[in-house]
Amino acid sequence: MNIKNNKNCKITINDRGIEKYMIKPIKADEMFKKLGYEKVENEQNIIFEKGVSTRNRIIFTRFKKTVSCIFIDEDYEWNDSLDITMQELQAINKKCQELGWI
């Protein structure tokens, strides 16, 4: 096993050599950022938004405990038929866990 200097790894070394290594868990916010989303928050919602002329929005509504995935086109019409990737779905699931919804 080859472990280089990596911020995502925690390594414990004792006199018997490497005892264990763990990959640091990535937060949902970091996952969304890697996918190109920008985080916008207010009192009611946590919103992850991607795009300029057309926008993908993933909205976590705090008080209702709901997630909305919305696509807004150039005319700012809302469309609930947003296609999401497996990575986006994983980030949504992780955010729900972090919020204590599931």
PDB file of N, CA and C in Angstrom:
ATOM      1  N   MET A   1       0.847  -1.176   0.000  1.00  0.00           N
ATOM      2  CA  MET A   1       0.000   0.000   0.000  1.00  0.00           C
ATOM      3  C   MET A   1       0.888   1.234   0.000  1.00  0.00           C
ATOM      4  N   ASN A   2       0.579   2.188  -0.845  1.00  0.00           N
ATOM      5  CA  ASN A   2       1.369   3.398  -0.949  1.00  0.00           C
ATOM      6  C   ASN A   2       0.517   4.581  -0.498  1.00  0.00           C
ATOM      7  N   ILE A   3       0.835   5.153   0.650  1.00  0.00           N
ATOM      8  CA  ILE A   3       0.090   6.314   1.151  1.00  0.00           C
ATOM      9  C   ILE A   3       1.013   7.515   1.112  1.00  0.00           C
ATOM     10  N   LYS A   4       0.637   8.491   0.308  1.00  0.00           N
ATOM     11  CA  LYS A   4       1.428   9.710   0.217  1.00  0.00           C
ATOM     12  C   LYS A   4       0.841  10.760   1.138  1.00  0.00           C
ATOM     13  N   ASN A   5       1.476  11.907   1.200  1.00  0.00           N
ATOM     14  CA  ASN A   5       0.992  13.000   2.036  1.00  0.00           C
ATOM     15  C   ASN A   5      -0.353  13.467   1.493  1.00  0.00           C
ATOM     16  N   ASN A   6      -1.413  13.100   2.172  1.00  0.00           N
ATOM     17  CA  ASN A   6      -2.766  13.366   1.703  1.00  0.00           C
ATOM     18  C   ASN A   6      -3.584  13.892   2.866  1.00  0.00           C
ATOM     19  N   LYS A   7      -4.181  15.079   2.699  1.00  0.00           N
ATOM     20  CA  LYS A   7      -4.970  15.697   3.764  1.00  0.00           C
ATOM     21  C   LYS A   7      -6.193  14.857   4.127  1.00  0.00           C
ATOM     22  N   ASN A   8      -6.642  14.009   3.209  1.00  0.00           N
ATOM     23  CA  ASN A   8      -7.847  13.228   3.452  1.00  0.00           C
ATOM     24  C   ASN A   8      -7.585  11.936   4.211  1.00  0.00           C
ATOM     25  N   CYS A   9      -6.328  11.670   4.541  1.00  0.00           N
ATOM     26  CA  CYS A   9      -6.018  10.437   5.260  1.00  0.00           C
ATOM     27  C   CYS A   9      -5.515  10.755   6.659  1.00  0.00           C
ATOM     28  N   LYS A  10      -5.972   9.967   7.616  1.00  0.00           N
ATOM     29  CA  LYS A  10      -5.458  10.056   8.979  1.00  0.00           C
ATOM     30  C   LYS A  10      -4.693   8.764   9.220  1.00  0.00           C
ATOM     31  N   ILE A  11      -3.434   8.890   9.562  1.00  0.00           N
ATOM     32  CA  ILE A  11      -2.583   7.706   9.705  1.00  0.00           C
ATOM     33  C   ILE A  11      -2.061   7.626  11.138  1.00  0.00           C
ATOM     34  N   THR A  12      -2.190   6.457  11.736  1.00  0.00           N
ATOM     35  CA  THR A  12      -1.629   6.208  13.065  1.00  0.00           C
ATOM     36  C   THR A  12      -0.456   5.246  12.900  1.00  0.00           C
ATOM     37  N   ILE A  13       0.718   5.660  13.367  1.00  0.00           N
ATOM     38  CA  ILE A  13       1.911   4.816  13.235  1.00  0.00           C
ATOM     39  C   ILE A  13       2.411   4.471  14.640  1.00  0.00           C
ATOM     40  N   ASN A  14       2.636   3.198  14.883  1.00  0.00           N
ATOM     41  CA  ASN A  14       3.258   2.791  16.145  1.00  0.00           C
ATOM     42  C   ASN A  14       4.474   1.932  15.825  1.00  0.00           C
ATOM     43  N   ASP A  15       5.045   1.298  16.844  1.00  0.00           N
ATOM     44  CA  ASP A  15       6.267   0.527  16.605  1.00  0.00           C
ATOM     45  C   ASP A  15       6.046  -0.713  15.741  1.00  0.00           C
ATOM     46  N   ARG A  16       4.790  -1.102  15.513  1.00  0.00           N
ATOM     47  CA  ARG A  16       4.509  -2.246  14.637  1.00  0.00           C
ATOM     48  C   ARG A  16       4.249  -1.792  13.193  1.00  0.00           C
ATOM     49  N   GLY A  17       4.407  -0.500  12.931  1.00  0.00           N
ATOM     50  CA  GLY A  17       4.149   0.016  11.587  1.00  0.00           C
ATOM     51  C   GLY A  17       2.818   0.754  11.542  1.00  0.00           C
ATOM     52  N   ILE A  18       2.231   0.814  10.389  1.00  0.00           N
ATOM     53  CA  ILE A  18       0.957   1.529  10.232  1.00  0.00           C
ATOM     54  C   ILE A  18      -0.148   0.701  10.861  1.00  0.00           C
ATOM     55  N   GLU A  19      -0.831   1.296  11.821  1.00  0.00           N
ATOM     56  CA  GLU A  19      -1.895   0.579  12.516  1.00  0.00           C
ATOM     57  C   GLU A  19      -3.215   0.709  11.771  1.00  0.00           C
ATOM     58  N   LYS A  20      -3.529   1.901  11.341  1.00  0.00           N
ATOM     59  CA  LYS A  20      -4.789   2.080  10.614  1.00  0.00           C
ATOM     60  C   LYS A  20      -4.725   3.363   9.798  1.00  0.00           C
ATOM     61  N   TYR A  21      -5.574   3.447   8.827  1.00  0.00           N
ATOM     62  CA  TYR A  21      -5.728   4.684   8.078  1.00  0.00           C
ATOM     63  C   TYR A  21      -7.205   4.853   7.780  1.00  0.00           C
ATOM     64  N   MET A  22      -7.659   6.094   7.761  1.00  0.00           N
ATOM     65  CA  MET A  22      -9.061   6.378   7.496  1.00  0.00           C
ATOM     66  C   MET A  22      -9.144   7.493   6.467  1.00  0.00           C
ATOM     67  N   ILE A  23     -10.077   7.384   5.569  1.00  0.00           N
ATOM     68  CA  ILE A  23     -10.357   8.480   4.650  1.00  0.00           C
ATOM     69  C   ILE A  23     -11.273   9.447   5.385  1.00  0.00           C
ATOM     70  N   LYS A  24     -10.875  10.706   5.406  1.00  0.00           N
ATOM     71  CA  LYS A  24     -11.690  11.721   6.065  1.00  0.00           C
ATOM     72  C   LYS A  24     -13.031  11.840   5.351  1.00  0.00           C
ATOM     73  N   PRO A  25     -14.151  11.740   6.084  1.00  0.00           N
ATOM     74  CA  PRO A  25     -15.451  11.841   5.405  1.00  0.00           C
ATOM     75  C   PRO A  25     -15.660  13.239   4.819  1.00  0.00           C
ATOM     76  N   ILE A  26     -16.141  13.273   3.599  1.00  0.00           N
ATOM     77  CA  ILE A  26     -16.370  14.561   2.936  1.00  0.00           C
ATOM     78  C   ILE A  26     -17.789  15.018   3.242  1.00  0.00           C
ATOM     79  N   LYS A  27     -17.946  16.303   3.532  1.00  0.00           N
ATOM     80  CA  LYS A  27     -19.276  16.841   3.833  1.00  0.00           C
ATOM     81  C   LYS A  27     -20.051  17.052   2.537  1.00  0.00           C
ATOM     82  N   ALA A  28     -21.360  17.067   2.673  1.00  0.00           N
ATOM     83  CA  ALA A  28     -22.219  17.278   1.500  1.00  0.00           C
ATOM     84  C   ALA A  28     -21.906  18.606   0.835  1.00  0.00           C
ATOM     85  N   ASP A  29     -21.662  19.651   1.622  1.00  0.00           N
ATOM     86  CA  ASP A  29     -21.351  20.968   1.057  1.00  0.00           C
ATOM     87  C   ASP A  29     -20.124  20.906   0.144  1.00  0.00           C
ATOM     88  N   GLU A  30     -19.114  20.126   0.558  1.00  0.00           N
ATOM     89  CA  GLU A  30     -17.905  19.972  -0.258  1.00  0.00           C
ATOM     90  C   GLU A  30     -18.216  19.212  -1.537  1.00  0.00           C
ATOM     91  N   MET A  31     -19.095  18.197  -1.433  1.00  0.00           N
ATOM     92  CA  MET A  31     -19.481  17.422  -2.620  1.00  0.00           C
ATOM     93  C   MET A  31     -20.182  18.323  -3.633  1.00  0.00           C
ATOM     94  N   PHE A  32     -21.125  19.142  -3.146  1.00  0.00           N
ATOM     95  CA  PHE A  32     -21.828  20.058  -4.044  1.00  0.00           C
ATOM     96  C   PHE A  32     -20.856  21.044  -4.697  1.00  0.00           C
ATOM     97  N   LYS A  33     -19.902  21.537  -3.914  1.00  0.00           N
ATOM     98  CA  LYS A  33     -18.925  22.492  -4.455  1.00  0.00           C
ATOM     99  C   LYS A  33     -18.114  21.848  -5.583  1.00  0.00           C
ATOM    100  N   LYS A  34     -17.699  20.593  -5.388  1.00  0.00           N
ATOM    101  CA  LYS A  34     -16.943  19.878  -6.429  1.00  0.00           C
ATOM    102  C   LYS A  34     -17.783  19.672  -7.686  1.00  0.00           C
ATOM    103  N   LEU A  35     -19.109  19.564  -7.505  1.00  0.00           N
ATOM    104  CA  LEU A  35     -20.012  19.387  -8.644  1.00  0.00           C
ATOM    105  C   LEU A  35     -20.372  20.714  -9.315  1.00  0.00           C
ATOM    106  N   GLY A  36     -19.823  21.824  -8.805  1.00  0.00           N
ATOM    107  CA  GLY A  36     -20.033  23.126  -9.437  1.00  0.00           C
ATOM    108  C   GLY A  36     -21.178  23.931  -8.853  1.00  0.00           C
ATOM    109  N   TYR A  37     -21.683  23.530  -7.698  1.00  0.00           N
ATOM    110  CA  TYR A  37     -22.789  24.249  -7.062  1.00  0.00           C
ATOM    111  C   TYR A  37     -22.268  25.321  -6.109  1.00  0.00           C
ATOM    112  N   GLU A  38     -23.026  26.395  -5.992  1.00  0.00           N
ATOM    113  CA  GLU A  38     -22.733  27.452  -5.036  1.00  0.00           C
ATOM    114  C   GLU A  38     -23.802  27.397  -3.949  1.00  0.00           C
ATOM    115  N   LYS A  39     -23.386  27.574  -2.711  1.00  0.00           N
ATOM    116  CA  LYS A  39     -24.327  27.477  -1.591  1.00  0.00           C
ATOM    117  C   LYS A  39     -24.897  28.853  -1.255  1.00  0.00           C
ATOM    118  N   VAL A  40     -26.222  28.902  -1.104  1.00  0.00           N
ATOM    119  CA  VAL A  40     -26.929  30.122  -0.708  1.00  0.00           C
ATOM    120  C   VAL A  40     -27.838  29.724   0.447  1.00  0.00           C
ATOM    121  N   GLU A  41     -27.772  30.463   1.553  1.00  0.00           N
ATOM    122  CA  GLU A  41     -28.600  30.120   2.707  1.00  0.00           C
ATOM    123  C   GLU A  41     -29.470  31.286   3.123  1.00  0.00           C
ATOM    124  N   ASN A  42     -30.640  30.972   3.656  1.00  0.00           N
ATOM    125  CA  ASN A  42     -31.450  31.961   4.353  1.00  0.00           C
ATOM    126  C   ASN A  42     -32.099  31.265   5.543  1.00  0.00           C
ATOM    127  N   GLU A  43     -33.010  31.919   6.222  1.00  0.00           N
ATOM    128  CA  GLU A  43     -33.583  31.334   7.442  1.00  0.00           C
ATOM    129  C   GLU A  43     -34.363  30.052   7.174  1.00  0.00           C
ATOM    130  N   GLN A  44     -35.017  29.978   6.029  1.00  0.00           N
ATOM    131  CA  GLN A  44     -35.868  28.829   5.740  1.00  0.00           C
ATOM    132  C   GLN A  44     -35.196  27.761   4.904  1.00  0.00           C
ATOM    133  N   ASN A  45     -34.259  28.140   4.043  1.00  0.00           N
ATOM    134  CA  ASN A  45     -33.724  27.210   3.051  1.00  0.00           C
ATOM    135  C   ASN A  45     -32.203  27.177   3.013  1.00  0.00           C
ATOM    136  N   ILE A  46     -31.698  26.023   2.624  1.00  0.00           N
ATOM    137  CA  ILE A  46     -30.304  25.887   2.193  1.00  0.00           C
ATOM    138  C   ILE A  46     -30.401  25.561   0.711  1.00  0.00           C
ATOM    139  N   ILE A  47     -29.819  26.398  -0.126  1.00  0.00           N
ATOM    140  CA  ILE A  47     -29.964  26.241  -1.570  1.00  0.00           C
ATOM    141  C   ILE A  47     -28.584  26.027  -2.197  1.00  0.00           C
ATOM    142  N   PHE A  48     -28.499  25.026  -3.055  1.00  0.00           N
ATOM    143  CA  PHE A  48     -27.299  24.810  -3.856  1.00  0.00           C
ATOM    144  C   PHE A  48     -27.688  25.106  -5.298  1.00  0.00           C
ATOM    145  N   GLU A  49     -26.957  26.037  -5.920  1.00  0.00           N
ATOM    146  CA  GLU A  49     -27.341  26.531  -7.242  1.00  0.00           C
ATOM    147  C   GLU A  49     -26.173  26.390  -8.199  1.00  0.00           C
ATOM    148  N   LYS A  50     -26.471  25.960  -9.433  1.00  0.00           N
ATOM    149  CA  LYS A  50     -25.434  25.797 -10.457  1.00  0.00           C
ATOM    150  C   LYS A  50     -25.941  26.380 -11.760  1.00  0.00           C
ATOM    151  N   GLY A  51     -25.088  27.127 -12.444  1.00  0.00           N
ATOM    152  CA  GLY A  51     -25.450  27.669 -13.752  1.00  0.00           C
ATOM    153  C   GLY A  51     -25.776  29.149 -13.684  1.00  0.00           C
ATOM    154  N   VAL A  52     -25.746  29.790 -14.854  1.00  0.00           N
ATOM    155  CA  VAL A  52     -26.025  31.225 -14.925  1.00  0.00           C
ATOM    156  C   VAL A  52     -27.298  31.472 -15.719  1.00  0.00           C
ATOM    157  N   SER A  53     -27.268  31.181 -17.019  1.00  0.00           N
ATOM    158  CA  SER A  53     -28.472  31.426 -17.826  1.00  0.00           C
ATOM    159  C   SER A  53     -29.555  30.395 -17.525  1.00  0.00           C
ATOM    160  N   THR A  54     -29.152  29.169 -17.297  1.00  0.00           N
ATOM    161  CA  THR A  54     -30.105  28.156 -16.825  1.00  0.00           C
ATOM    162  C   THR A  54     -29.565  27.654 -15.501  1.00  0.00           C
ATOM    163  N   ARG A  55     -30.444  27.469 -14.554  1.00  0.00           N
ATOM    164  CA  ARG A  55     -29.982  27.127 -13.210  1.00  0.00           C
ATOM    165  C   ARG A  55     -30.578  25.825 -12.714  1.00  0.00           C
ATOM    166  N   ASN A  56     -29.726  25.059 -12.110  1.00  0.00           N
ATOM    167  CA  ASN A  56     -30.179  23.895 -11.349  1.00  0.00           C
ATOM    168  C   ASN A  56     -30.174  24.323  -9.896  1.00  0.00           C
ATOM    169  N   ARG A  57     -31.273  24.093  -9.223  1.00  0.00           N
ATOM    170  CA  ARG A  57     -31.345  24.419  -7.801  1.00  0.00           C
ATOM    171  C   ARG A  57     -31.761  23.190  -7.014  1.00  0.00           C
ATOM    172  N   ILE A  58     -31.045  22.938  -5.952  1.00  0.00           N
ATOM    173  CA  ILE A  58     -31.432  21.908  -5.003  1.00  0.00           C
ATOM    174  C   ILE A  58     -31.704  22.639  -3.702  1.00  0.00           C
ATOM    175  N   ILE A  59     -32.949  22.577  -3.249  1.00  0.00           N
ATOM    176  CA  ILE A  59     -33.395  23.373  -2.112  1.00  0.00           C
ATOM    177  C   ILE A  59     -33.755  22.463  -0.943  1.00  0.00           C
ATOM    178  N   PHE A  60     -33.092  22.679   0.188  1.00  0.00           N
ATOM    179  CA  PHE A  60     -33.414  21.980   1.426  1.00  0.00           C
ATOM    180  C   PHE A  60     -34.214  22.952   2.286  1.00  0.00           C
ATOM    181  N   THR A  61     -35.486  22.649   2.512  1.00  0.00           N
ATOM    182  CA  THR A  61     -36.341  23.527   3.308  1.00  0.00           C
ATOM    183  C   THR A  61     -36.317  23.040   4.755  1.00  0.00           C
ATOM    184  N   ARG A  62     -35.757  23.857   5.625  1.00  0.00           N
ATOM    185  CA  ARG A  62     -35.494  23.445   7.003  1.00  0.00           C
ATOM    186  C   ARG A  62     -36.756  23.089   7.788  1.00  0.00           C
ATOM    187  N   PHE A  63     -37.774  23.945   7.729  1.00  0.00           N
ATOM    188  CA  PHE A  63     -38.928  23.756   8.609  1.00  0.00           C
ATOM    189  C   PHE A  63     -39.860  22.650   8.128  1.00  0.00           C
ATOM    190  N   LYS A  64     -39.930  22.453   6.806  1.00  0.00           N
ATOM    191  CA  LYS A  64     -40.789  21.393   6.265  1.00  0.00           C
ATOM    192  C   LYS A  64     -40.051  20.077   6.113  1.00  0.00           C
ATOM    193  N   LYS A  65     -38.727  20.120   6.215  1.00  0.00           N
ATOM    194  CA  LYS A  65     -37.872  18.939   5.999  1.00  0.00           C
ATOM    195  C   LYS A  65     -38.139  18.319   4.633  1.00  0.00           C
ATOM    196  N   THR A  66     -38.050  19.148   3.602  1.00  0.00           N
ATOM    197  CA  THR A  66     -38.247  18.669   2.231  1.00  0.00           C
ATOM    198  C   THR A  66     -37.067  19.070   1.352  1.00  0.00           C
ATOM    199  N   VAL A  67     -36.876  18.306   0.290  1.00  0.00           N
ATOM    200  CA  VAL A  67     -35.859  18.619  -0.715  1.00  0.00           C
ATOM    201  C   VAL A  67     -36.566  18.847  -2.033  1.00  0.00           C
ATOM    202  N   SER A  68     -36.249  19.950  -2.703  1.00  0.00           N
ATOM    203  CA  SER A  68     -36.787  20.224  -4.036  1.00  0.00           C
ATOM    204  C   SER A  68     -35.622  20.312  -5.005  1.00  0.00           C
ATOM    205  N   CYS A  69     -35.743  19.655  -6.147  1.00  0.00           N
ATOM    206  CA  CYS A  69     -34.749  19.743  -7.214  1.00  0.00           C
ATOM    207  C   CYS A  69     -35.430  20.447  -8.380  1.00  0.00           C
ATOM    208  N   ILE A  70     -34.949  21.622  -8.703  1.00  0.00           N
ATOM    209  CA  ILE A  70     -35.647  22.471  -9.679  1.00  0.00           C
ATOM    210  C   ILE A  70     -34.681  22.930 -10.760  1.00  0.00           C
ATOM    211  N   PHE A  71     -35.173  22.956 -11.978  1.00  0.00           N
ATOM    212  CA  PHE A  71     -34.449  23.521 -13.109  1.00  0.00           C
ATOM    213  C   PHE A  71     -35.172  24.805 -13.511  1.00  0.00           C
ATOM    214  N   ILE A  72     -34.441  25.900 -13.618  1.00  0.00           N
ATOM    215  CA  ILE A  72     -35.034  27.170 -14.035  1.00  0.00           C
ATOM    216  C   ILE A  72     -34.413  27.540 -15.374  1.00  0.00           C
ATOM    217  N   ASP A  73     -35.253  27.748 -16.388  1.00  0.00           N
ATOM    218  CA  ASP A  73     -34.725  28.033 -17.726  1.00  0.00           C
ATOM    219  C   ASP A  73     -34.450  29.529 -17.892  1.00  0.00           C
ATOM    220  N   GLU A  74     -34.032  29.922 -19.091  1.00  0.00           N
ATOM    221  CA  GLU A  74     -33.650  31.311 -19.358  1.00  0.00           C
ATOM    222  C   GLU A  74     -34.784  32.295 -19.101  1.00  0.00           C
ATOM    223  N   ASP A  75     -36.020  31.846 -19.241  1.00  0.00           N
ATOM    224  CA  ASP A  75     -37.172  32.717 -18.989  1.00  0.00           C
ATOM    225  C   ASP A  75     -37.619  32.639 -17.528  1.00  0.00           C
ATOM    226  N   TYR A  76     -36.800  32.046 -16.703  1.00  0.00           N
ATOM    227  CA  TYR A  76     -37.079  31.899 -15.271  1.00  0.00           C
ATOM    228  C   TYR A  76     -38.381  31.160 -14.994  1.00  0.00           C
ATOM    229  N   GLU A  77     -38.650  30.160 -15.829  1.00  0.00           N
ATOM    230  CA  GLU A  77     -39.791  29.298 -15.566  1.00  0.00           C
ATOM    231  C   GLU A  77     -39.299  28.076 -14.819  1.00  0.00           C
ATOM    232  N   TRP A  78     -40.006  27.697 -13.786  1.00  0.00           N
ATOM    233  CA  TRP A  78     -39.626  26.580 -12.943  1.00  0.00           C
ATOM    234  C   TRP A  78     -40.083  25.275 -13.565  1.00  0.00           C
ATOM    235  N   ASN A  79     -39.233  24.304 -13.522  1.00  0.00           N
ATOM    236  CA  ASN A  79     -39.526  23.006 -14.097  1.00  0.00           C
ATOM    237  C   ASN A  79     -39.041  21.947 -13.119  1.00  0.00           C
ATOM    238  N   ASP A  80     -39.937  21.111 -12.642  1.00  0.00           N
ATOM    239  CA  ASP A  80     -39.574  20.103 -11.647  1.00  0.00           C
ATOM    240  C   ASP A  80     -38.946  18.847 -12.251  1.00  0.00           C
ATOM    241  N   SER A  81     -38.787  18.803 -13.558  1.00  0.00           N
ATOM    242  CA  SER A  81     -38.251  17.595 -14.194  1.00  0.00           C
ATOM    243  C   SER A  81     -36.736  17.678 -14.366  1.00  0.00           C
ATOM    244  N   LEU A  82     -36.048  18.018 -13.296  1.00  0.00           N
ATOM    245  CA  LEU A  82     -34.593  18.121 -13.338  1.00  0.00           C
ATOM    246  C   LEU A  82     -33.970  16.732 -13.331  1.00  0.00           C
ATOM    247  N   ASP A  83     -33.063  16.491 -14.271  1.00  0.00           N
ATOM    248  CA  ASP A  83     -32.292  15.253 -14.257  1.00  0.00           C
ATOM    249  C   ASP A  83     -31.115  15.450 -13.323  1.00  0.00           C
ATOM    250  N   ILE A  84     -30.922  14.523 -12.399  1.00  0.00           N
ATOM    251  CA  ILE A  84     -29.790  14.642 -11.493  1.00  0.00           C
ATOM    252  C   ILE A  84     -28.881  13.431 -11.648  1.00  0.00           C
ATOM    253  N   THR A  85     -27.602  13.653 -11.391  1.00  0.00           N
ATOM    254  CA  THR A  85     -26.610  12.589 -11.505  1.00  0.00           C
ATOM    255  C   THR A  85     -26.574  11.779 -10.211  1.00  0.00           C
ATOM    256  N   MET A  86     -25.917  10.645 -10.269  1.00  0.00           N
ATOM    257  CA  MET A  86     -25.757   9.815  -9.083  1.00  0.00           C
ATOM    258  C   MET A  86     -24.966  10.576  -8.013  1.00  0.00           C
ATOM    259  N   GLN A  87     -23.960  11.374  -8.426  1.00  0.00           N
ATOM    260  CA  GLN A  87     -23.172  12.144  -7.472  1.00  0.00           C
ATOM    261  C   GLN A  87     -24.034  13.197  -6.772  1.00  0.00           C
ATOM    262  N   GLU A  88     -24.943  13.827  -7.537  1.00  0.00           N
ATOM    263  CA  GLU A  88     -25.849  14.809  -6.934  1.00  0.00           C
ATOM    264  C   GLU A  88     -26.798  14.124  -5.957  1.00  0.00           C
ATOM    265  N   LEU A  89     -27.283  12.957  -6.341  1.00  0.00           N
ATOM    266  CA  LEU A  89     -28.180  12.200  -5.469  1.00  0.00           C
ATOM    267  C   LEU A  89     -27.469  11.801  -4.172  1.00  0.00           C
ATOM    268  N   GLN A  90     -26.204  11.400  -4.284  1.00  0.00           N
ATOM    269  CA  GLN A  90     -25.419  11.058  -3.099  1.00  0.00           C
ATOM    270  C   GLN A  90     -25.225  12.279  -2.204  1.00  0.00           C
ATOM    271  N   ALA A  91     -24.973  13.441  -2.822  1.00  0.00           N
ATOM    272  CA  ALA A  91     -24.799  14.680  -2.050  1.00  0.00           C
ATOM    273  C   ALA A  91     -26.097  15.070  -1.348  1.00  0.00           C
ATOM    274  N   ILE A  92     -27.236  14.884  -2.031  1.00  0.00           N
ATOM    275  CA  ILE A  92     -28.542  15.175  -1.427  1.00  0.00           C
ATOM    276  C   ILE A  92     -28.777  14.249  -0.239  1.00  0.00           C
ATOM    277  N   ASN A  93     -28.505  12.970  -0.419  1.00  0.00           N
ATOM    278  CA  ASN A  93     -28.680  11.990   0.652  1.00  0.00           C
ATOM    279  C   ASN A  93     -27.799  12.329   1.855  1.00  0.00           C
ATOM    280  N   LYS A  94     -26.548  12.706   1.571  1.00  0.00           N
ATOM    281  CA  LYS A  94     -25.605  13.049   2.644  1.00  0.00           C
ATOM    282  C   LYS A  94     -26.063  14.303   3.388  1.00  0.00           C
ATOM    283  N   LYS A  95     -26.572  15.300   2.652  1.00  0.00           N
ATOM    284  CA  LYS A  95     -27.056  16.534   3.291  1.00  0.00           C
ATOM    285  C   LYS A  95     -28.253  16.233   4.179  1.00  0.00           C
ATOM    286  N   CYS A  96     -29.152  15.366   3.718  1.00  0.00           N
ATOM    287  CA  CYS A  96     -30.306  14.972   4.536  1.00  0.00           C
ATOM    288  C   CYS A  96     -29.841  14.294   5.824  1.00  0.00           C
ATOM    289  N   GLN A  97     -28.797  13.469   5.731  1.00  0.00           N
ATOM    290  CA  GLN A  97     -28.250  12.821   6.917  1.00  0.00           C
ATOM    291  C   GLN A  97     -27.653  13.870   7.863  1.00  0.00           C
ATOM    292  N   GLU A  98     -26.900  14.827   7.299  1.00  0.00           N
ATOM    293  CA  GLU A  98     -26.270  15.872   8.115  1.00  0.00           C
ATOM    294  C   GLU A  98     -27.320  16.741   8.806  1.00  0.00           C
ATOM    295  N   LEU A  99     -28.460  16.934   8.152  1.00  0.00           N
ATOM    296  CA  LEU A  99     -29.539  17.725   8.740  1.00  0.00           C
ATOM    297  C   LEU A  99     -30.367  16.915   9.733  1.00  0.00           C
ATOM    298  N   GLY A 100     -30.110  15.621   9.789  1.00  0.00           N
ATOM    299  CA  GLY A 100     -30.836  14.752  10.714  1.00  0.00           C
ATOM    300  C   GLY A 100     -32.223  14.368  10.229  1.00  0.00           C
ATOM    301  N   TRP A 101     -32.433  14.446   8.934  1.00  0.00           N
ATOM    302  CA  TRP A 101     -33.751  14.098   8.374  1.00  0.00           C
ATOM    303  C   TRP A 101     -33.904  12.604   8.193  1.00  0.00           C
ATOM    304  N   ILE A 102     -32.797  11.909   7.967  1.00  0.00           N
ATOM    305  CA  ILE A 102     -32.866  10.454   7.773  1.00  0.00           C
ATOM    306  C   ILE A 102     -31.824   9.791   8.670  1.00  0.00           C
TER     307      ILE A 102
END
